[in-house]
All heavy atoms as atom14 arrays in JSON, in Angstrom:
{
  "sequence": "GNRTVYADSAKGRFTISRDNAKNTVYLQMNSL",
  "atom14_mask": [
    [1, 1, 1, 1, 0, 0, 0, 0, 0, 0, 0, 0, 0, 0],
    [1, 1, 1, 1, 1, 1, 1, 1, 0, 0, 0, 0, 0, 0],
    [1, 1, 1, 1, 1, 1, 1, 1, 1, 1, 1, 0, 0, 0],
    [1, 1, 1, 1, 1, 1, 1, 0, 0, 0, 0, 0, 0, 0],
    [1, 1, 1, 1, 1, 1, 1, 0, 0, 0, 0, 0, 0, 0],
    [1, 1, 1, 1, 1, 1, 1, 1, 1, 1, 1, 1, 0, 0],
    [1, 1, 1, 1, 1, 0, 0, 0, 0, 0, 0, 0, 0, 0],
    [1, 1, 1, 1, 1, 1, 1, 1, 0, 0, 0, 0, 0, 0],
    [1, 1, 1, 1, 1, 1, 0, 0, 0, 0, 0, 0, 0, 0],
    [1, 1, 1, 1, 1, 0, 0, 0, 0, 0, 0, 0, 0, 0],
    [1, 1, 1, 1, 1, 1, 1, 1, 1, 0, 0, 0, 0, 0],
    [1, 1, 1, 1, 0, 0, 0, 0, 0, 0, 0, 0, 0, 0],
    [1, 1, 1, 1, 1, 1, 1, 1, 1, 1, 1, 0, 0, 0],
    [1, 1, 1, 1, 1, 1, 1, 1, 1, 1, 1, 0, 0, 0],
    [1, 1, 1, 1, 1, 1, 1, 0, 0, 0, 0, 0, 0, 0],
    [1, 1, 1, 1, 1, 1, 1, 1, 0, 0, 0, 0, 0, 0],
    [1, 1, 1, 1, 1, 1, 0, 0, 0, 0, 0, 0, 0, 0],
    [1, 1, 1, 1, 1, 1, 1, 1, 1, 1, 1, 0, 0, 0],
    [1, 1, 1, 1, 1, 1, 1, 1, 0, 0, 0, 0, 0, 0],
    [1, 1, 1, 1, 1, 1, 1, 1, 0, 0, 0, 0, 0, 0],
    [1, 1, 1, 1, 1, 0, 0, 0, 0, 0, 0, 0, 0, 0],
    [1, 1, 1, 1, 1, 1, 1, 1, 1, 0, 0, 0, 0, 0],
    [1, 1, 1, 1, 1, 1, 1, 1, 0, 0, 0, 0, 0, 0],
    [1, 1, 1, 1, 1, 1, 1, 0, 0, 0, 0, 0, 0, 0],
    [1, 1, 1, 1, 1, 1, 1, 0, 0, 0, 0, 0, 0, 0],
    [1, 1, 1, 1, 1, 1, 1, 1, 1, 1, 1, 1, 0, 0],
    [1, 1, 1, 1, 1, 1, 1, 1, 0, 0, 0, 0, 0, 0],
    [1, 1, 1, 1, 1, 1, 1, 1, 1, 0, 0, 0, 0, 0],
    [1, 1, 1, 1, 1, 1, 1, 1, 0, 0, 0, 0, 0, 0],
    [1, 1, 1, 1, 1, 1, 1, 1, 0, 0, 0, 0, 0, 0],
    [1, 1, 1, 1, 1, 1, 0, 0, 0, 0, 0, 0, 0, 0],
    [1, 1, 1, 1, 1, 1, 1, 1, 0, 0, 0, 0, 0, 0]
  ],
  "atom14_positions": [
    [[3.86, -6.58, 6.55], [3.68, -7.81, 5.82], [4.62, -7.96, 4.8], [4.46, -9.02, 4.05], [0.0, 0.0, 0.0], [0.0, 0.0, 0.0], [0.0, 0.0, 0.0], [0.0, 0.0, 0.0], [0.0, 0.0, 0.0], [0.0, 0.0, 0.0], [0.0, 0.0, 0.0], [0.0, 0.0, 0.0], [0.0, 0.0, 0.0], [0.0, 0.0, 0.0]],
    [[5.57, -7.2, 4.74], [6.57, -7.29, 3.6], [7.61, -8.38, 3.83], [8.27, -8.82, 2.8], [7.31, -5.95, 3.37], [6.33, -4.93, 2.73], [5.36, -5.32, 2.13], [6.64, -3.59, 3.04], [0.0, 0.0, 0.0], [0.0, 0.0, 0.0], [0.0, 0.0, 0.0], [0.0, 0.0, 0.0], [0.0, 0.0, 0.0], [0.0, 0.0, 0.0]],
    [[7.85, -8.78, 5.0], [8.93, -9.75, 5.33], [8.31, -10.82, 6.12], [7.6, -10.74, 7.06], [10.05, -9.02, 6.18], [10.72, -7.99, 5.41], [11.81, -7.37, 6.31], [12.47, -6.24, 5.59], [13.49, -5.54, 6.13], [13.96, -5.94, 7.33], [13.97, -4.48, 5.53], [0.0, 0.0, 0.0], [0.0, 0.0, 0.0], [0.0, 0.0, 0.0]],
    [[8.71, -12.12, 5.74], [8.25, -13.34, 6.31], [9.53, -14.17, 6.57], [10.5, -14.29, 5.84], [7.31, -14.02, 5.63], [7.75, -14.37, 4.27], [5.99, -13.22, 5.4], [0.0, 0.0, 0.0], [0.0, 0.0, 0.0], [0.0, 0.0, 0.0], [0.0, 0.0, 0.0], [0.0, 0.0, 0.0], [0.0, 0.0, 0.0], [0.0, 0.0, 0.0]],
    [[9.41, -15.07, 7.62], [10.38, -16.06, 7.97], [9.59, -17.31, 8.29], [8.61, -17.2, 9.06], [11.25, -15.53, 9.12], [12.23, -16.67, 9.55], [12.06, -14.24, 8.83], [0.0, 0.0, 0.0], [0.0, 0.0, 0.0], [0.0, 0.0, 0.0], [0.0, 0.0, 0.0], [0.0, 0.0, 0.0], [0.0, 0.0, 0.0], [0.0, 0.0, 0.0]],
    [[10.14, -18.39, 7.83], [9.53, -19.75, 8.09], [10.54, -20.71, 8.64], [11.65, -20.78, 8.24], [9.0, -20.29, 6.77], [7.8, -19.48, 6.15], [8.14, -18.48, 5.12], [6.58, -19.72, 6.47], [7.05, -17.88, 4.58], [5.54, -19.06, 5.87], [5.77, -18.05, 4.88], [4.74, -17.33, 4.43], [0.0, 0.0, 0.0], [0.0, 0.0, 0.0]],
    [[9.95, -21.55, 9.46], [10.78, -22.79, 9.9], [10.94, -23.62, 8.66], [10.16, -23.64, 7.79], [10.12, -23.47, 11.04], [0.0, 0.0, 0.0], [0.0, 0.0, 0.0], [0.0, 0.0, 0.0], [0.0, 0.0, 0.0], [0.0, 0.0, 0.0], [0.0, 0.0, 0.0], [0.0, 0.0, 0.0], [0.0, 0.0, 0.0], [0.0, 0.0, 0.0]],
    [[12.01, -24.42, 8.74], [12.18, -25.37, 7.7], [11.1, -26.23, 7.49], [10.66, -26.79, 6.34], [13.54, -26.24, 7.89], [14.79, -25.3, 7.74], [14.68, -24.26, 7.03], [15.77, -25.77, 8.32], [0.0, 0.0, 0.0], [0.0, 0.0, 0.0], [0.0, 0.0, 0.0], [0.0, 0.0, 0.0], [0.0, 0.0, 0.0], [0.0, 0.0, 0.0]],
    [[10.38, -26.71, 8.56], [9.32, -27.58, 8.49], [8.12, -26.95, 7.76], [7.2, -27.73, 7.35], [8.93, -28.04, 9.91], [8.52, -26.94, 10.81], [0.0, 0.0, 0.0], [0.0, 0.0, 0.0], [0.0, 0.0, 0.0], [0.0, 0.0, 0.0], [0.0, 0.0, 0.0], [0.0, 0.0, 0.0], [0.0, 0.0, 0.0], [0.0, 0.0, 0.0]],
    [[8.03, -25.73, 7.76], [6.85, -25.02, 7.18], [7.14, -24.49, 5.75], [6.2, -24.22, 5.0], [6.46, -23.8, 7.97], [0.0, 0.0, 0.0], [0.0, 0.0, 0.0], [0.0, 0.0, 0.0], [0.0, 0.0, 0.0], [0.0, 0.0, 0.0], [0.0, 0.0, 0.0], [0.0, 0.0, 0.0], [0.0, 0.0, 0.0], [0.0, 0.0, 0.0]],
    [[8.37, -24.37, 5.38], [8.73, -23.9, 4.05], [8.12, -24.64, 2.79], [8.1, -25.85, 2.92], [10.18, -23.68, 3.87], [10.93, -22.68, 4.71], [12.38, -22.75, 4.49], [13.14, -21.72, 5.36], [14.54, -21.7, 5.24], [0.0, 0.0, 0.0], [0.0, 0.0, 0.0], [0.0, 0.0, 0.0], [0.0, 0.0, 0.0], [0.0, 0.0, 0.0]],
    [[7.51, -23.92, 2.02], [6.88, -24.64, 0.83], [5.5, -25.17, 1.08], [4.78, -25.51, 0.11], [0.0, 0.0, 0.0], [0.0, 0.0, 0.0], [0.0, 0.0, 0.0], [0.0, 0.0, 0.0], [0.0, 0.0, 0.0], [0.0, 0.0, 0.0], [0.0, 0.0, 0.0], [0.0, 0.0, 0.0], [0.0, 0.0, 0.0], [0.0, 0.0, 0.0]],
    [[5.05, -25.22, 2.37], [3.7, -25.7, 2.62], [2.83, -24.73, 3.39], [1.67, -24.66, 3.14], [3.82, -26.93, 3.53], [4.61, -28.17, 2.84], [4.45, -29.36, 3.65], [5.02, -29.21, 4.99], [4.26, -29.56, 6.16], [3.01, -29.92, 6.0], [4.84, -29.31, 7.34], [0.0, 0.0, 0.0], [0.0, 0.0, 0.0], [0.0, 0.0, 0.0]],
    [[3.4, -23.85, 4.15], [2.64, -22.96, 4.94], [2.93, -21.5, 4.47], [4.05, -21.22, 3.98], [3.11, -22.98, 6.45], [2.8, -24.34, 7.21], [2.09, -25.27, 6.49], [3.03, -24.47, 8.46], [1.82, -26.46, 7.16], [2.73, -25.56, 9.17], [2.14, -26.61, 8.49], [0.0, 0.0, 0.0], [0.0, 0.0, 0.0], [0.0, 0.0, 0.0]],
    [[1.89, -20.63, 4.64], [2.05, -19.23, 4.18], [1.45, -18.43, 5.27], [0.28, -18.54, 5.67], [1.39, -18.94, 2.87], [1.89, -19.79, 1.91], [1.57, -17.5, 2.54], [0.0, 0.0, 0.0], [0.0, 0.0, 0.0], [0.0, 0.0, 0.0], [0.0, 0.0, 0.0], [0.0, 0.0, 0.0], [0.0, 0.0, 0.0], [0.0, 0.0, 0.0]],
    [[2.24, -17.45, 5.82], [1.8, -16.5, 6.86], [1.36, -15.21, 6.2], [2.07, -14.83, 5.24], [2.78, -16.37, 7.95], [2.19, -15.48, 9.06], [4.09, -15.76, 7.46], [3.09, -15.36, 10.34], [0.0, 0.0, 0.0], [0.0, 0.0, 0.0], [0.0, 0.0, 0.0], [0.0, 0.0, 0.0], [0.0, 0.0, 0.0], [0.0, 0.0, 0.0]],
    [[0.35, -14.66, 6.59], [-0.11, -13.36, 6.03], [-0.83, -12.58, 7.06], [-1.17, -13.13, 8.15], [-1.02, -13.5, 4.71], [-2.18, -14.26, 5.02], [0.0, 0.0, 0.0], [0.0, 0.0, 0.0], [0.0, 0.0, 0.0], [0.0, 0.0, 0.0], [0.0, 0.0, 0.0], [0.0, 0.0, 0.0], [0.0, 0.0, 0.0], [0.0, 0.0, 0.0]],
    [[-1.05, -11.34, 6.76], [-1.86, -10.51, 7.77], [-2.8, -9.53, 6.98], [-2.46, -9.03, 5.86], [-0.97, -9.82, 8.7], [0.0, -8.89, 8.06], [1.09, -8.36, 9.0], [0.6, -7.69, 10.17], [1.23, -7.6, 11.41], [2.44, -8.09, 11.51], [0.68, -7.0, 12.46], [0.0, 0.0, 0.0], [0.0, 0.0, 0.0], [0.0, 0.0, 0.0]],
    [[-3.75, -9.11, 7.7], [-4.73, -8.05, 7.11], [-4.68, -7.09, 8.35], [-5.44, -7.28, 9.24], [-6.1, -8.62, 6.86], [-6.97, -7.65, 6.17], [-6.76, -6.44, 6.36], [-7.94, -8.03, 5.33], [0.0, 0.0, 0.0], [0.0, 0.0, 0.0], [0.0, 0.0, 0.0], [0.0, 0.0, 0.0], [0.0, 0.0, 0.0], [0.0, 0.0, 0.0]],
    [[-3.97, -5.99, 8.18], [-3.95, -5.06, 9.22], [-5.34, -4.25, 9.51], [-5.5, -3.81, 10.57], [-2.73, -4.06, 9.01], [-1.42, -4.72, 9.18], [-1.31, -5.73, 9.88], [-0.33, -4.15, 8.67], [0.0, 0.0, 0.0], [0.0, 0.0, 0.0], [0.0, 0.0, 0.0], [0.0, 0.0, 0.0], [0.0, 0.0, 0.0], [0.0, 0.0, 0.0]],
    [[-6.03, -4.18, 8.47], [-7.33, -3.49, 8.54], [-8.28, -4.35, 9.46], [-9.2, -3.76, 10.0], [-7.96, -3.26, 7.11], [0.0, 0.0, 0.0], [0.0, 0.0, 0.0], [0.0, 0.0, 0.0], [0.0, 0.0, 0.0], [0.0, 0.0, 0.0], [0.0, 0.0, 0.0], [0.0, 0.0, 0.0], [0.0, 0.0, 0.0], [0.0, 0.0, 0.0]],
    [[-8.04, -5.65, 9.51], [-8.86, -6.53, 10.3], [-8.18, -6.99, 11.58], [-8.63, -7.78, 12.28], [-9.38, -7.71, 9.48], [-10.0, -7.48, 8.34], [-10.5, -8.72, 7.58], [-11.27, -8.44, 6.4], [-11.76, -9.67, 5.62], [0.0, 0.0, 0.0], [0.0, 0.0, 0.0], [0.0, 0.0, 0.0], [0.0, 0.0, 0.0], [0.0, 0.0, 0.0]],
    [[-6.94, -6.48, 11.89], [-6.09, -6.97, 12.9], [-6.07, -8.46, 13.12], [-6.26, -8.98, 14.12], [-6.8, -6.31, 14.27], [-6.48, -4.84, 14.54], [-6.0, -4.11, 13.64], [-6.64, -4.48, 15.78], [0.0, 0.0, 0.0], [0.0, 0.0, 0.0], [0.0, 0.0, 0.0], [0.0, 0.0, 0.0], [0.0, 0.0, 0.0], [0.0, 0.0, 0.0]],
    [[-5.79, -9.14, 11.94], [-5.81, -10.57, 11.84], [-4.53, -10.97, 11.14], [-4.1, -10.39, 10.12], [-7.11, -11.0, 11.11], [-8.2, -10.63, 11.81], [-7.13, -12.48, 11.15], [0.0, 0.0, 0.0], [0.0, 0.0, 0.0], [0.0, 0.0, 0.0], [0.0, 0.0, 0.0], [0.0, 0.0, 0.0], [0.0, 0.0, 0.0], [0.0, 0.0, 0.0]],
    [[-3.95, -12.03, 11.64], [-2.96, -12.72, 11.02], [-3.37, -14.09, 10.59], [-4.17, -14.79, 11.44], [-1.69, -12.84, 11.91], [-1.95, -13.56, 13.09], [-0.53, -13.42, 11.07], [0.0, 0.0, 0.0], [0.0, 0.0, 0.0], [0.0, 0.0, 0.0], [0.0, 0.0, 0.0], [0.0, 0.0, 0.0], [0.0, 0.0, 0.0], [0.0, 0.0, 0.0]],
    [[-2.98, -14.69, 9.56], [-3.4, -15.99, 9.0], [-2.22, -16.88, 8.84], [-1.12, -16.58, 8.59], [-4.09, -15.84, 7.75], [-5.23, -14.87, 7.68], [-5.09, -13.58, 7.32], [-6.52, -15.32, 8.06], [-6.07, -12.71, 7.33], [-7.55, -14.38, 8.07], [-7.3, -13.1, 7.67], [-8.38, -12.18, 7.78], [0.0, 0.0, 0.0], [0.0, 0.0, 0.0]],
    [[-2.48, -18.25, 8.86], [-1.53, -19.19, 8.59], [-2.33, -20.3, 7.67], [-3.01, -20.94, 8.16], [-0.92, -19.87, 9.87], [0.09, -20.95, 9.56], [1.38, -20.28, 9.04], [0.33, -21.85, 10.8], [0.0, 0.0, 0.0], [0.0, 0.0, 0.0], [0.0, 0.0, 0.0], [0.0, 0.0, 0.0], [0.0, 0.0, 0.0], [0.0, 0.0, 0.0]],
    [[-1.92, -20.14, 6.42], [-2.45, -21.1, 5.45], [-1.58, -22.34, 5.4], [-0.41, -22.17, 5.23], [-2.57, -20.46, 4.0], [-3.06, -21.47, 2.95], [-4.47, -21.83, 3.13], [-5.32, -20.92, 3.39], [-4.75, -23.07, 3.01], [0.0, 0.0, 0.0], [0.0, 0.0, 0.0], [0.0, 0.0, 0.0], [0.0, 0.0, 0.0], [0.0, 0.0, 0.0]],
    [[-2.16, -23.54, 5.77], [-1.36, -24.69, 5.78], [-1.77, -25.73, 4.77], [-3.03, -26.15, 4.81], [-1.57, -25.33, 7.24], [-1.09, -24.38, 8.35], [-1.06, -25.14, 10.03], [-2.91, -25.62, 10.12], [0.0, 0.0, 0.0], [0.0, 0.0, 0.0], [0.0, 0.0, 0.0], [0.0, 0.0, 0.0], [0.0, 0.0, 0.0], [0.0, 0.0, 0.0]],
    [[-0.97, -25.99, 3.91], [-1.33, -27.01, 2.82], [-0.46, -28.24, 2.99], [0.57, -28.18, 3.69], [-1.08, -26.38, 1.5], [-1.81, -25.13, 1.17], [-3.01, -24.98, 1.57], [-1.3, -24.19, 0.46], [0.0, 0.0, 0.0], [0.0, 0.0, 0.0], [0.0, 0.0, 0.0], [0.0, 0.0, 0.0], [0.0, 0.0, 0.0], [0.0, 0.0, 0.0]],
    [[-0.89, -29.28, 2.26], [-0.19, -30.6, 2.29], [0.12, -31.02, 3.7], [1.39, -31.4, 4.09], [1.14, -30.44, 1.51], [0.92, -29.99, 0.11], [0.0, 0.0, 0.0], [0.0, 0.0, 0.0], [0.0, 0.0, 0.0], [0.0, 0.0, 0.0], [0.0, 0.0, 0.0], [0.0, 0.0, 0.0], [0.0, 0.0, 0.0], [0.0, 0.0, 0.0]],
    [[-0.76, -30.89, 4.56], [-0.68, -31.21, 5.96], [-0.18, -32.75, 6.16], [-0.62, -33.63, 5.45], [-1.84, -31.02, 6.73], [-2.08, -29.41, 7.03], [-3.46, -29.23, 7.34], [-1.1, -28.89, 8.09], [0.0, 0.0, 0.0], [0.0, 0.0, 0.0], [0.0, 0.0, 0.0], [0.0, 0.0, 0.0], [0.0, 0.0, 0.0], [0.0, 0.0, 0.0]]
  ]
}
């Protein structure tokens, strides 16, 4: 979870994160 890469279209609006304890990855999307 220490490194992230975003497409230009997502930068500043989307945030990717993960919770390895839950085996889950998230994509928070704002300003859709």
